[in-house]
Amino acid sequence: MPKIIYFAYGSNMLTTRLRERCPSAEPLERAFAPGYLLTFDKLGRDGSGKATISPAAPVEKVDGVLFHISEADLPALDRAEWGYVRHNDFAVAPAGSPNRLRAVTYIAPPQICRSGLSPFDWYLELIRAGRLEHGSSEEDLRRFSNISTIRDSDTDRSLRMFRLCAGFRGR
């Protein structure tokens, strides 16, 4: 089955999280989306804020990770990325390279975004763990220290998600 290049910038940066959705996922390298800004404005089904990216000043960029995934895994990823729009030809820049390449990514459309949303504490921890796993800079990780989070009333889900990132917490 052919493989595609997928750009993850949120909780899917954590390889174990992405493999729950796409068993074929193999990390390739860090990359960034130039001219974009990461926010938590996507309204999740559970009422919490989820990560999305939106166009911003050219000096802005969103760090992420490129993965190879099988095309056969795309329907499962589409279902997991409820509310997002899949972009099949999204320009990203591999870290340390002046070249751009095209990847698949998911971006929330404006009609399901709300400013002022907060992510669950476990969701932010998944993102932080994925960034730690793939060697994000201290500067990038500091951006997440001042984000206000909320506790999930679904304690089983919360515990399950915290376990996914257990190897990367506290680093």
Protein backbone atom coordinates (compact mmCIF):
# COMPACT_ATOMS: atom_id res chain seq x y z
CA MET A 1 0.00 0.00 0.00
CA PRO A 2 1.39 3.45 -0.87
CA LYS A 3 2.52 5.73 1.93
CA ILE A 4 1.82 9.40 2.37
CA ILE A 5 3.65 12.08 4.35
CA TYR A 6 1.60 13.42 7.25
CA PHE A 7 2.41 16.60 9.21
CA ALA A 8 1.40 16.35 12.89
CA TYR A 9 1.47 19.46 15.08
CA GLY A 10 -0.81 18.55 18.01
CA SER A 11 -1.40 15.42 20.07
CA ASN A 12 -0.59 13.22 17.06
CA MET A 13 3.06 14.26 17.38
CA LEU A 14 3.33 11.59 20.09
CA THR A 15 4.07 8.44 18.11
CA THR A 16 2.13 6.12 20.43
CA ARG A 17 -0.94 8.37 20.13
CA LEU A 18 -0.76 8.45 16.33
CA ARG A 19 -0.20 4.69 16.13
CA GLU A 20 -3.47 4.13 18.02
CA ARG A 21 -5.10 5.78 15.01
CA CYS A 22 -2.66 4.78 12.26
CA PRO A 23 -0.73 1.59 13.08
CA SER A 24 1.57 2.14 10.09
CA ALA A 25 2.87 5.52 11.37
CA GLU A 26 6.65 5.90 11.24
CA PRO A 27 8.29 9.18 12.29
CA LEU A 28 10.50 10.78 9.66
CA GLU A 29 11.77 14.13 10.95
CA ARG A 30 10.83 17.38 12.60
CA ALA A 31 9.32 20.04 10.36
CA PHE A 32 7.44 23.30 10.61
CA ALA A 33 4.59 25.10 8.90
CA PRO A 34 5.87 28.57 7.99
CA GLY A 35 3.43 31.46 8.30
CA TYR A 36 1.09 29.67 10.73
CA LEU A 37 0.19 30.00 14.39
CA LEU A 38 -0.92 27.22 16.77
CA THR A 39 -4.05 27.88 18.83
CA PHE A 40 -6.49 25.83 20.90
CA ASP A 41 -9.53 27.39 19.24
CA LYS A 42 -11.04 24.23 17.73
CA LEU A 43 -14.16 23.30 19.68
CA GLY A 44 -13.95 19.60 20.54
CA ARG A 45 -16.99 17.36 20.86
CA ASP A 46 -16.28 17.35 24.59
CA GLY A 47 -16.31 21.17 24.81
CA SER A 48 -12.56 21.52 25.31
CA GLY A 49 -10.13 23.37 23.08
CA LYS A 50 -8.18 21.31 20.53
CA ALA A 51 -5.09 22.36 18.61
CA THR A 52 -5.39 23.88 15.18
CA ILE A 53 -3.30 26.17 13.06
CA SER A 54 -4.24 29.35 11.29
CA PRO A 55 -2.47 31.65 8.84
CA ALA A 56 -0.31 34.26 10.54
CA ALA A 57 2.58 36.60 9.82
CA PRO A 58 5.35 35.12 7.65
CA VAL A 59 7.77 35.16 10.62
CA GLU A 60 5.52 32.78 12.59
CA LYS A 61 5.84 29.01 12.37
CA VAL A 62 4.31 25.91 13.89
CA ASP A 63 6.64 23.08 14.86
CA GLY A 64 5.59 19.54 14.10
CA VAL A 65 6.71 16.11 12.94
CA LEU A 66 6.51 14.39 9.59
CA PHE A 67 5.33 10.77 9.56
CA HIS A 68 4.97 8.18 6.85
CA ILE A 69 1.55 6.55 7.07
CA SER A 70 -0.16 4.06 4.83
CA GLU A 71 -2.96 5.41 2.65
CA ALA A 72 -5.05 2.60 4.14
CA ASP A 73 -4.88 4.40 7.52
CA LEU A 74 -6.31 7.69 6.19
CA PRO A 75 -10.00 6.80 6.77
CA ALA A 76 -9.27 6.05 10.45
CA LEU A 77 -7.33 9.31 10.77
CA ASP A 78 -10.18 11.21 9.11
CA ARG A 79 -12.59 9.81 11.72
CA ALA A 80 -10.22 10.63 14.59
CA GLU A 81 -9.81 14.18 13.29
CA TRP A 82 -13.55 14.93 13.53
CA GLY A 83 -14.41 18.49 12.54
CA TYR A 84 -11.06 19.17 10.88
CA VAL A 85 -10.59 19.52 7.14
CA ARG A 86 -7.89 17.34 5.59
CA HIS A 87 -5.42 19.26 3.43
CA ASN A 88 -3.63 16.91 1.03
CA ASP A 89 -1.17 19.44 -0.36
CA PHE A 90 0.04 21.42 2.65
CA ALA A 91 3.47 23.10 2.42
CA VAL A 92 5.90 22.29 5.23
CA ALA A 93 9.63 22.77 5.70
CA PRO A 94 11.72 19.94 7.14
CA ALA A 95 13.84 21.18 10.05
CA GLY A 96 17.23 22.40 8.93
CA SER A 97 16.31 22.44 5.23
CA PRO A 98 15.50 25.38 2.98
CA ASN A 99 13.31 23.13 0.85
CA ARG A 100 9.57 22.76 1.16
CA LEU A 101 7.55 19.63 0.61
CA ARG A 102 3.88 18.75 0.49
CA ALA A 103 2.18 16.79 3.25
CA VAL A 104 -1.25 15.87 4.51
CA THR A 105 -2.46 17.75 7.60
CA TYR A 106 -5.72 18.69 9.29
CA ILE A 107 -6.91 22.24 10.02
CA ALA A 108 -10.12 23.26 11.78
CA PRO A 109 -12.40 25.48 9.69
CA PRO A 110 -13.31 28.87 11.23
CA GLN A 111 -16.97 27.93 11.79
CA ILE A 112 -16.03 25.41 14.52
CA CYS A 113 -13.39 27.59 16.17
CA ARG A 114 -13.98 29.72 19.26
CA SER A 115 -11.40 31.96 20.89
CA GLY A 116 -10.87 31.54 24.61
CA LEU A 117 -11.17 27.74 24.77
CA SER A 118 -8.90 25.75 27.08
CA PRO A 119 -7.56 22.26 26.39
CA PHE A 120 -7.77 19.40 28.85
CA ASP A 121 -4.64 18.97 30.97
CA TRP A 122 -3.99 15.51 29.45
CA TYR A 123 -4.36 16.88 25.91
CA LEU A 124 -1.72 19.53 26.48
CA GLU A 125 0.51 16.88 28.09
CA LEU A 126 0.18 14.67 24.96
CA ILE A 127 1.36 17.59 22.83
CA ARG A 128 4.24 18.36 25.17
CA ALA A 129 5.25 14.66 25.27
CA GLY A 130 5.24 14.46 21.46
CA ARG A 131 7.43 17.53 21.26
CA LEU A 132 9.82 16.07 23.84
CA GLU A 133 9.91 12.75 21.98
CA HIS A 134 10.98 14.45 18.77
CA GLY A 135 13.49 16.88 20.25
CA SER A 136 11.66 20.21 20.17
CA SER A 137 13.61 23.15 21.48
CA GLU A 138 13.30 24.48 25.03
CA GLU A 139 11.92 27.69 23.50
CA ASP A 140 9.14 25.73 21.80
CA LEU A 141 8.31 23.83 25.00
CA ARG A 142 8.16 27.06 27.05
CA ARG A 143 5.30 28.25 24.83
CA PHE A 144 3.10 25.64 26.50
CA SER A 145 3.90 26.53 30.11
CA ASN A 146 1.43 29.42 30.30
CA ILE A 147 -1.55 27.78 28.62
CA SER A 148 -4.53 27.46 30.90
CA THR A 149 -5.95 23.93 31.01
CA ILE A 150 -9.07 22.30 32.42
CA ARG A 151 -9.59 18.92 34.09
CA ASP A 152 -11.51 16.24 32.25
CA SER A 153 -14.53 14.87 34.12
CA ASP A 154 -13.97 11.54 32.31
CA THR A 155 -11.31 10.22 34.69
CA ASP A 156 -10.86 6.93 32.80
CA ARG A 157 -10.00 8.82 29.58
CA SER A 158 -7.75 11.19 31.49
CA LEU A 159 -5.78 8.33 33.09
CA ARG A 160 -5.50 6.49 29.76
CA MET A 161 -4.14 9.61 28.02
CA PHE A 162 -1.67 10.43 30.80
CA ARG A 163 -0.38 6.83 30.57
CA LEU A 164 0.35 7.33 26.85
CA CYS A 165 2.81 10.09 27.64
CA ALA A 166 4.20 8.63 30.88
CA GLY A 167 7.70 8.14 29.44
CA PHE A 168 7.96 11.81 28.56
CA ARG A 169 6.40 13.55 31.57
CA GLY A 170 8.58 15.59 33.82
CA ARG A 171 11.42 15.98 31.36
